[in-house]
Amino acid sequence: MEATPQLPPAIVRPASNSQSEKQAENAILTAATLWKEARGEGVNGMHAVLNVIMNRAGSFDKIDTIILKRKQFSCWNSIDNPKQKSIEMGKLAAAGKLTDSKQFMEACELVQLAIDGKLTDITGGAKNYFNPKLANPSWAKKLTKTRTIGNHDFYKE
């Protein structure tokens, strides 16, 4: 008897009546951003990056403008069409064909928590972060460090 494949989280499936196309696109873009920025940091690291995104956006409706703002999330700096790329990544992850597909699906679950208003803020209100082993941005001196989570330091005004 062949096992029934497990369906991916709703955000990587086509939009339904209860979910607008824009929300679905924003969800998959957000999940891809978490995966690209922090998959090596595990669920807590991706959760923290999502907190930063949500703290900047204020609501899920305009999350794409925050993510795609020039030079804000380096994972998209050299990608021509991030939304299309994120959709392709979601399809590959749902099929188990993306490197670290499990982490991508965990990112999708975090995004669903944010959509549902159930994502706690583990960053202390941070709107910025960086890896101090890789960068030393000048803006960090003007902000207050709130937490270190994995390899990232988190900051707020």
N, C-alpha and C. Protein backbone atom coordinates (compact mmCIF):
# COMPACT_ATOMS: atom_id res chain seq x y z
N MET A 1 0.84 -1.18 0.00
CA MET A 1 0.00 0.00 0.00
C MET A 1 0.88 1.24 0.00
N GLU A 2 0.63 2.15 -0.93
CA GLU A 2 1.44 3.35 -1.06
C GLU A 2 0.98 4.43 -0.09
N ALA A 3 1.94 5.11 0.53
CA ALA A 3 1.61 6.16 1.50
C ALA A 3 1.01 7.36 0.78
N THR A 4 0.02 7.98 1.39
CA THR A 4 -0.58 9.19 0.86
C THR A 4 0.36 10.35 1.15
N PRO A 5 0.74 11.14 0.12
CA PRO A 5 1.64 12.26 0.39
C PRO A 5 0.99 13.30 1.30
N GLN A 6 1.77 13.84 2.20
CA GLN A 6 1.27 14.87 3.12
C GLN A 6 1.18 16.20 2.39
N LEU A 7 0.07 16.89 2.51
CA LEU A 7 -0.09 18.18 1.87
C LEU A 7 0.77 19.22 2.56
N PRO A 8 1.36 20.13 1.79
CA PRO A 8 2.13 21.20 2.41
C PRO A 8 1.20 22.18 3.11
N PRO A 9 1.75 23.04 3.95
CA PRO A 9 0.91 24.07 4.58
C PRO A 9 0.15 24.86 3.52
N ALA A 10 -0.97 25.42 3.92
CA ALA A 10 -1.85 26.12 3.00
C ALA A 10 -1.15 27.22 2.21
N ILE A 11 -0.14 27.84 2.78
CA ILE A 11 0.47 28.97 2.09
C ILE A 11 1.29 28.57 0.88
N VAL A 12 1.60 27.29 0.70
CA VAL A 12 2.30 26.90 -0.51
C VAL A 12 1.37 26.21 -1.50
N ARG A 13 0.08 26.19 -1.19
CA ARG A 13 -0.93 25.70 -2.11
C ARG A 13 -1.57 26.90 -2.81
N PRO A 14 -2.25 26.66 -3.92
CA PRO A 14 -2.93 27.78 -4.58
C PRO A 14 -3.90 28.47 -3.62
N ALA A 15 -4.08 29.75 -3.81
CA ALA A 15 -4.97 30.53 -2.95
C ALA A 15 -6.39 29.98 -2.99
N SER A 16 -7.03 29.96 -1.84
CA SER A 16 -8.42 29.51 -1.75
C SER A 16 -9.31 30.73 -1.58
N ASN A 17 -10.61 30.48 -1.42
CA ASN A 17 -11.55 31.59 -1.24
C ASN A 17 -11.20 32.44 -0.03
N SER A 18 -10.67 31.80 1.02
CA SER A 18 -10.40 32.54 2.25
C SER A 18 -9.05 33.24 2.22
N GLN A 19 -8.31 33.04 1.17
CA GLN A 19 -6.96 33.61 1.13
C GLN A 19 -6.75 34.30 -0.21
N SER A 20 -6.49 35.58 -0.17
CA SER A 20 -6.32 36.32 -1.41
C SER A 20 -5.02 35.91 -2.11
N GLU A 21 -4.98 36.17 -3.40
CA GLU A 21 -3.78 35.85 -4.17
C GLU A 21 -2.58 36.64 -3.65
N LYS A 22 -2.79 37.92 -3.32
CA LYS A 22 -1.70 38.74 -2.79
C LYS A 22 -1.18 38.18 -1.47
N GLN A 23 -2.10 37.75 -0.60
CA GLN A 23 -1.66 37.18 0.68
C GLN A 23 -0.87 35.90 0.45
N ALA A 24 -1.29 35.09 -0.50
CA ALA A 24 -0.58 33.85 -0.81
C ALA A 24 0.82 34.17 -1.35
N GLU A 25 0.92 35.15 -2.24
CA GLU A 25 2.23 35.56 -2.77
C GLU A 25 3.11 36.12 -1.66
N ASN A 26 2.53 36.94 -0.80
CA ASN A 26 3.29 37.50 0.32
C ASN A 26 3.77 36.40 1.26
N ALA A 27 2.93 35.41 1.48
CA ALA A 27 3.27 34.32 2.39
C ALA A 27 4.45 33.52 1.86
N ILE A 28 4.41 33.16 0.59
CA ILE A 28 5.49 32.35 0.03
C ILE A 28 6.77 33.17 -0.09
N LEU A 29 6.64 34.46 -0.41
CA LEU A 29 7.82 35.34 -0.45
C LEU A 29 8.44 35.44 0.94
N THR A 30 7.63 35.55 1.95
CA THR A 30 8.12 35.64 3.33
C THR A 30 8.80 34.35 3.74
N ALA A 31 8.18 33.22 3.45
CA ALA A 31 8.79 31.93 3.80
C ALA A 31 10.13 31.76 3.10
N ALA A 32 10.19 32.14 1.83
CA ALA A 32 11.45 32.03 1.08
C ALA A 32 12.51 32.95 1.69
N THR A 33 12.10 34.13 2.13
CA THR A 33 13.04 35.05 2.77
C THR A 33 13.60 34.46 4.05
N LEU A 34 12.73 33.90 4.87
CA LEU A 34 13.19 33.27 6.11
C LEU A 34 14.17 32.15 5.82
N TRP A 35 13.83 31.33 4.84
CA TRP A 35 14.67 30.20 4.47
C TRP A 35 16.02 30.67 3.96
N LYS A 36 16.01 31.67 3.08
CA LYS A 36 17.26 32.17 2.51
C LYS A 36 18.12 32.91 3.54
N GLU A 37 17.49 33.64 4.44
CA GLU A 37 18.23 34.44 5.41
C GLU A 37 18.70 33.63 6.62
N ALA A 38 17.91 32.63 7.06
CA ALA A 38 18.21 32.05 8.37
C ALA A 38 17.98 30.54 8.51
N ARG A 39 17.90 29.81 7.41
CA ARG A 39 17.64 28.38 7.55
C ARG A 39 18.72 27.67 8.37
N GLY A 40 19.95 28.16 8.31
CA GLY A 40 21.04 27.57 9.09
C GLY A 40 20.93 27.86 10.58
N GLU A 41 20.03 28.76 10.95
CA GLU A 41 19.82 29.13 12.35
C GLU A 41 18.68 28.34 12.99
N GLY A 42 18.03 27.48 12.22
CA GLY A 42 16.92 26.68 12.74
C GLY A 42 15.64 27.48 12.86
N VAL A 43 14.67 26.87 13.48
CA VAL A 43 13.34 27.49 13.61
C VAL A 43 13.42 28.79 14.39
N ASN A 44 14.19 28.83 15.49
CA ASN A 44 14.30 30.07 16.27
C ASN A 44 14.88 31.21 15.45
N GLY A 45 15.90 30.92 14.66
CA GLY A 45 16.50 31.95 13.82
C GLY A 45 15.53 32.48 12.78
N MET A 46 14.79 31.58 12.13
CA MET A 46 13.80 32.01 11.14
C MET A 46 12.67 32.77 11.82
N HIS A 47 12.27 32.32 13.00
CA HIS A 47 11.23 33.00 13.78
C HIS A 47 11.67 34.44 14.07
N ALA A 48 12.91 34.61 14.49
CA ALA A 48 13.42 35.94 14.82
C ALA A 48 13.45 36.85 13.59
N VAL A 49 13.86 36.33 12.45
CA VAL A 49 13.86 37.13 11.22
C VAL A 49 12.44 37.52 10.85
N LEU A 50 11.50 36.61 11.02
CA LEU A 50 10.09 36.95 10.75
C LEU A 50 9.60 38.02 11.72
N ASN A 51 10.04 37.97 12.97
CA ASN A 51 9.69 39.04 13.92
C ASN A 51 10.17 40.39 13.42
N VAL A 52 11.39 40.45 12.92
CA VAL A 52 11.92 41.71 12.39
C VAL A 52 11.06 42.20 11.24
N ILE A 53 10.74 41.31 10.32
CA ILE A 53 9.91 41.68 9.17
C ILE A 53 8.55 42.20 9.64
N MET A 54 7.92 41.48 10.56
CA MET A 54 6.60 41.90 11.06
C MET A 54 6.69 43.20 11.86
N ASN A 55 7.76 43.37 12.62
CA ASN A 55 7.93 44.61 13.38
C ASN A 55 8.07 45.80 12.44
N ARG A 56 8.70 45.61 11.31
CA ARG A 56 8.82 46.69 10.32
C ARG A 56 7.51 46.93 9.59
N ALA A 57 6.83 45.85 9.22
CA ALA A 57 5.63 45.96 8.38
C ALA A 57 4.40 46.42 9.17
N GLY A 58 4.28 45.97 10.40
CA GLY A 58 3.10 46.31 11.19
C GLY A 58 1.90 45.43 10.89
N SER A 59 1.77 44.97 9.64
CA SER A 59 0.70 44.04 9.28
C SER A 59 1.19 43.19 8.12
N PHE A 60 0.52 42.10 7.91
CA PHE A 60 0.95 41.18 6.86
C PHE A 60 0.63 41.72 5.46
N ASP A 61 -0.33 42.63 5.35
CA ASP A 61 -0.75 43.14 4.04
C ASP A 61 0.35 43.80 3.24
N LYS A 62 1.27 44.49 3.90
CA LYS A 62 2.32 45.20 3.16
C LYS A 62 3.70 44.59 3.38
N ILE A 63 3.72 43.32 3.72
CA ILE A 63 4.98 42.67 4.04
C ILE A 63 5.91 42.60 2.83
N ASP A 64 5.35 42.49 1.63
CA ASP A 64 6.19 42.41 0.44
C ASP A 64 7.00 43.69 0.22
N THR A 65 6.43 44.85 0.53
CA THR A 65 7.18 46.09 0.35
C THR A 65 8.35 46.17 1.32
N ILE A 66 8.20 45.59 2.49
CA ILE A 66 9.29 45.57 3.47
C ILE A 66 10.38 44.61 3.01
N ILE A 67 10.00 43.42 2.60
CA ILE A 67 10.98 42.41 2.17
C ILE A 67 11.72 42.84 0.92
N LEU A 68 11.02 43.44 -0.02
CA LEU A 68 11.63 43.77 -1.31
C LEU A 68 12.24 45.16 -1.38
N LYS A 69 12.20 45.89 -0.27
CA LYS A 69 12.85 47.20 -0.25
C LYS A 69 14.34 47.01 -0.53
N ARG A 70 14.87 47.84 -1.37
CA ARG A 70 16.26 47.71 -1.83
C ARG A 70 17.25 47.57 -0.67
N LYS A 71 18.07 46.56 -0.76
CA LYS A 71 19.18 46.28 0.17
C LYS A 71 18.75 46.06 1.62
N GLN A 72 17.54 45.55 1.83
CA GLN A 72 17.10 45.26 3.19
C GLN A 72 17.34 43.81 3.57
N PHE A 73 17.08 42.90 2.65
CA PHE A 73 17.30 41.48 2.88
C PHE A 73 18.21 41.00 1.75
N SER A 74 19.47 40.82 2.09
CA SER A 74 20.51 40.59 1.09
C SER A 74 20.25 39.37 0.21
N CYS A 75 19.45 38.44 0.68
CA CYS A 75 19.17 37.25 -0.12
C CYS A 75 18.50 37.58 -1.45
N TRP A 76 17.87 38.75 -1.56
CA TRP A 76 17.17 39.12 -2.79
C TRP A 76 17.94 40.14 -3.62
N ASN A 77 19.07 40.60 -3.15
CA ASN A 77 19.79 41.68 -3.84
C ASN A 77 20.11 41.38 -5.31
N SER A 78 20.43 40.15 -5.63
CA SER A 78 20.83 39.83 -7.01
C SER A 78 19.77 39.01 -7.76
N ILE A 79 18.55 38.92 -7.22
CA ILE A 79 17.48 38.15 -7.86
C ILE A 79 16.56 39.10 -8.62
N ASP A 80 16.33 38.82 -9.91
CA ASP A 80 15.51 39.69 -10.75
C ASP A 80 14.03 39.69 -10.37
N ASN A 81 13.46 38.54 -10.11
CA ASN A 81 12.04 38.44 -9.80
C ASN A 81 11.85 37.62 -8.53
N PRO A 82 12.03 38.23 -7.36
CA PRO A 82 11.94 37.47 -6.10
C PRO A 82 10.62 36.76 -5.89
N LYS A 83 9.51 37.37 -6.29
CA LYS A 83 8.21 36.71 -6.08
C LYS A 83 8.13 35.42 -6.89
N GLN A 84 8.53 35.47 -8.15
CA GLN A 84 8.49 34.26 -8.98
C GLN A 84 9.47 33.22 -8.45
N LYS A 85 10.65 33.65 -8.05
CA LYS A 85 11.65 32.73 -7.50
C LYS A 85 11.12 32.05 -6.24
N SER A 86 10.44 32.81 -5.38
CA SER A 86 9.92 32.23 -4.14
C SER A 86 8.80 31.21 -4.43
N ILE A 87 7.98 31.46 -5.44
CA ILE A 87 6.94 30.50 -5.82
C ILE A 87 7.58 29.21 -6.31
N GLU A 88 8.62 29.33 -7.14
CA GLU A 88 9.34 28.15 -7.62
C GLU A 88 9.94 27.38 -6.44
N MET A 89 10.52 28.09 -5.49
CA MET A 89 11.11 27.45 -4.32
C MET A 89 10.04 26.72 -3.50
N GLY A 90 8.88 27.33 -3.35
CA GLY A 90 7.79 26.70 -2.61
C GLY A 90 7.34 25.41 -3.25
N LYS A 91 7.25 25.40 -4.58
CA LYS A 91 6.86 24.18 -5.29
C LYS A 91 7.90 23.08 -5.10
N LEU A 92 9.17 23.46 -5.21
CA LEU A 92 10.24 22.48 -5.01
C LEU A 92 10.23 21.94 -3.58
N ALA A 93 10.02 22.82 -2.61
CA ALA A 93 10.00 22.39 -1.20
C ALA A 93 8.83 21.46 -0.94
N ALA A 94 7.66 21.78 -1.50
CA ALA A 94 6.48 20.94 -1.30
C ALA A 94 6.70 19.54 -1.88
N ALA A 95 7.51 19.46 -2.93
CA ALA A 95 7.81 18.17 -3.56
C ALA A 95 9.02 17.50 -2.91
N GLY A 96 9.63 18.16 -1.92
CA GLY A 96 10.81 17.60 -1.26
C GLY A 96 12.06 17.68 -2.11
N LYS A 97 12.08 18.56 -3.10
CA LYS A 97 13.19 18.65 -4.05
C LYS A 97 14.06 19.89 -3.86
N LEU A 98 13.83 20.62 -2.82
CA LEU A 98 14.63 21.81 -2.53
C LEU A 98 15.65 21.44 -1.45
N THR A 99 16.86 21.93 -1.59
CA THR A 99 17.83 21.72 -0.52
C THR A 99 17.21 22.25 0.77
N ASP A 100 17.23 21.46 1.81
CA ASP A 100 16.65 21.86 3.09
C ASP A 100 15.14 22.11 2.99
N SER A 101 14.44 21.26 2.26
CA SER A 101 12.98 21.38 2.11
C SER A 101 12.29 21.43 3.47
N LYS A 102 12.78 20.65 4.42
CA LYS A 102 12.15 20.61 5.75
C LYS A 102 12.18 22.01 6.38
N GLN A 103 13.30 22.71 6.27
CA GLN A 103 13.40 24.06 6.84
C GLN A 103 12.47 25.02 6.11
N PHE A 104 12.31 24.85 4.80
CA PHE A 104 11.39 25.71 4.06
C PHE A 104 9.96 25.51 4.57
N MET A 105 9.60 24.26 4.81
CA MET A 105 8.25 23.99 5.31
C MET A 105 8.08 24.52 6.73
N GLU A 106 9.14 24.50 7.53
CA GLU A 106 9.08 25.10 8.87
C GLU A 106 8.88 26.61 8.75
N ALA A 107 9.54 27.22 7.76
CA ALA A 107 9.35 28.66 7.52
C ALA A 107 7.90 28.94 7.15
N CYS A 108 7.31 28.07 6.35
CA CYS A 108 5.89 28.22 5.97
C CYS A 108 4.99 28.17 7.20
N GLU A 109 5.30 27.27 8.11
CA GLU A 109 4.50 27.15 9.33
C GLU A 109 4.62 28.41 10.19
N LEU A 110 5.81 28.98 10.26
CA LEU A 110 5.99 30.24 10.99
C LEU A 110 5.17 31.36 10.36
N VAL A 111 5.20 31.43 9.03
CA VAL A 111 4.44 32.46 8.33
C VAL A 111 2.95 32.30 8.61
N GLN A 112 2.48 31.06 8.64
CA GLN A 112 1.06 30.84 8.94
C GLN A 112 0.72 31.35 10.34
N LEU A 113 1.61 31.14 11.30
CA LEU A 113 1.40 31.69 12.65
C LEU A 113 1.28 33.21 12.61
N ALA A 114 2.13 33.84 11.81
CA ALA A 114 2.08 35.31 11.69
C ALA A 114 0.76 35.75 11.06
N ILE A 115 0.33 35.06 10.03
CA ILE A 115 -0.94 35.39 9.37
C ILE A 115 -2.09 35.26 10.36
N ASP A 116 -2.03 34.23 11.19
CA ASP A 116 -3.09 33.97 12.17
C ASP A 116 -2.97 34.85 13.41
N GLY A 117 -1.94 35.69 13.48
CA GLY A 117 -1.75 36.56 14.64
C GLY A 117 -1.27 35.82 15.88
N LYS A 118 -0.61 34.69 15.69
CA LYS A 118 -0.18 33.86 16.81
C LYS A 118 1.34 33.77 16.95
N LEU A 119 2.07 34.60 16.24
CA LEU A 119 3.53 34.56 16.31
C LEU A 119 4.01 35.49 17.43
N THR A 120 4.68 34.94 18.41
CA THR A 120 5.22 35.76 19.49
C THR A 120 6.49 36.46 19.03
N ASP A 121 6.80 37.58 19.65
CA ASP A 121 8.03 38.31 19.31
C ASP A 121 9.13 37.89 20.27
N ILE A 122 10.11 37.16 19.75
CA ILE A 122 11.23 36.70 20.57
C ILE A 122 12.44 37.63 20.45
N THR A 123 12.27 38.75 19.71
CA THR A 123 13.40 39.67 19.48
C THR A 123 13.37 40.91 20.37
N GLY A 124 12.33 41.08 21.18
CA GLY A 124 12.23 42.28 21.99
C GLY A 124 11.93 43.53 21.18
N GLY A 125 11.18 43.36 20.10
CA GLY A 125 10.78 44.51 19.28
C GLY A 125 11.79 44.93 18.23
N ALA A 126 12.73 44.07 17.90
CA ALA A 126 13.78 44.43 16.94
C ALA A 126 13.24 44.67 15.54
N LYS A 127 13.85 45.65 14.88
CA LYS A 127 13.54 45.93 13.48
C LYS A 127 14.77 45.75 12.59
N ASN A 128 15.88 45.37 13.20
CA ASN A 128 17.13 45.18 12.46
C ASN A 128 17.89 44.01 13.05
N TYR A 129 18.74 43.41 12.21
CA TYR A 129 19.61 42.34 12.68
C TYR A 129 20.78 42.19 11.73
N PHE A 130 21.82 41.56 12.20
CA PHE A 130 22.95 41.22 11.36
C PHE A 130 23.78 40.15 12.06
N ASN A 131 24.67 39.54 11.30
CA ASN A 131 25.59 38.54 11.83
C ASN A 131 26.91 39.25 12.11
N PRO A 132 27.28 39.44 13.37
CA PRO A 132 28.50 40.18 13.69
C PRO A 132 29.79 39.50 13.22
N LYS A 133 29.72 38.23 12.85
CA LYS A 133 30.88 37.53 12.29
C LYS A 133 31.10 37.92 10.84
N LEU A 134 30.04 38.46 10.21
CA LEU A 134 30.11 38.78 8.79
C LEU A 134 30.00 40.27 8.48
N ALA A 135 29.51 41.05 9.43
CA ALA A 135 29.28 42.47 9.16
C ALA A 135 29.41 43.29 10.44
N ASN A 136 29.64 44.58 10.25
CA ASN A 136 29.68 45.54 11.35
C ASN A 136 29.06 46.85 10.85
N PRO A 137 27.75 46.86 10.67
CA PRO A 137 27.11 48.03 10.07
C PRO A 137 27.15 49.26 10.98
N SER A 138 27.34 50.40 10.37
CA SER A 138 27.43 51.65 11.14
C SER A 138 26.13 51.97 11.87
N TRP A 139 24.98 51.57 11.31
CA TRP A 139 23.69 51.86 11.93
C TRP A 139 23.54 51.21 13.30
N ALA A 140 24.25 50.13 13.55
CA ALA A 140 24.09 49.40 14.81
C ALA A 140 24.49 50.25 16.02
N LYS A 141 25.44 51.16 15.83
CA LYS A 141 25.90 52.02 16.94
C LYS A 141 24.80 52.96 17.44
N LYS A 142 23.84 53.25 16.58
CA LYS A 142 22.76 54.18 16.91
C LYS A 142 21.54 53.48 17.53
N LEU A 143 21.55 52.14 17.56
CA LEU A 143 20.40 51.37 18.02
C LEU A 143 20.73 50.61 19.30
N THR A 144 19.70 50.03 19.90
CA THR A 144 19.85 49.26 21.13
C THR A 144 19.77 47.77 20.81
N LYS A 145 20.78 47.04 21.22
CA LYS A 145 20.77 45.59 21.01
C LYS A 145 19.75 44.97 21.96
N THR A 146 18.87 44.11 21.40
CA THR A 146 17.83 43.49 22.22
C THR A 146 18.14 42.02 22.54
N ARG A 147 18.72 41.31 21.60
CA ARG A 147 18.96 39.88 21.77
C ARG A 147 20.05 39.40 20.82
N THR A 148 20.62 38.27 21.18
CA THR A 148 21.42 37.48 20.24
C THR A 148 20.68 36.16 20.11
N ILE A 149 20.36 35.79 18.89
CA ILE A 149 19.69 34.53 18.62
C ILE A 149 20.50 33.83 17.53
N GLY A 150 21.10 32.72 17.91
CA GLY A 150 21.99 32.03 16.97
C GLY A 150 23.16 32.93 16.65
N ASN A 151 23.44 33.12 15.38
CA ASN A 151 24.55 33.96 14.94
C ASN A 151 24.15 35.40 14.64
N HIS A 152 22.92 35.77 14.96
CA HIS A 152 22.45 37.11 14.64
C HIS A 152 22.22 37.95 15.90
N ASP A 153 22.59 39.22 15.83
CA ASP A 153 22.29 40.19 16.86
C ASP A 153 21.10 41.02 16.39
N PHE A 154 20.16 41.29 17.29
CA PHE A 154 18.93 42.00 16.96
C PHE A 154 18.91 43.35 17.65
N TYR A 155 18.38 44.37 16.94
CA TYR A 155 18.41 45.76 17.41
C TYR A 155 17.08 46.46 17.21
N LYS A 156 16.82 47.43 18.10
CA LYS A 156 15.65 48.30 17.93
C LYS A 156 16.10 49.74 18.18
N GLU A 157 15.22 50.68 17.83
CA GLU A 157 15.53 52.10 18.02
C GLU A 157 15.48 52.47 19.49
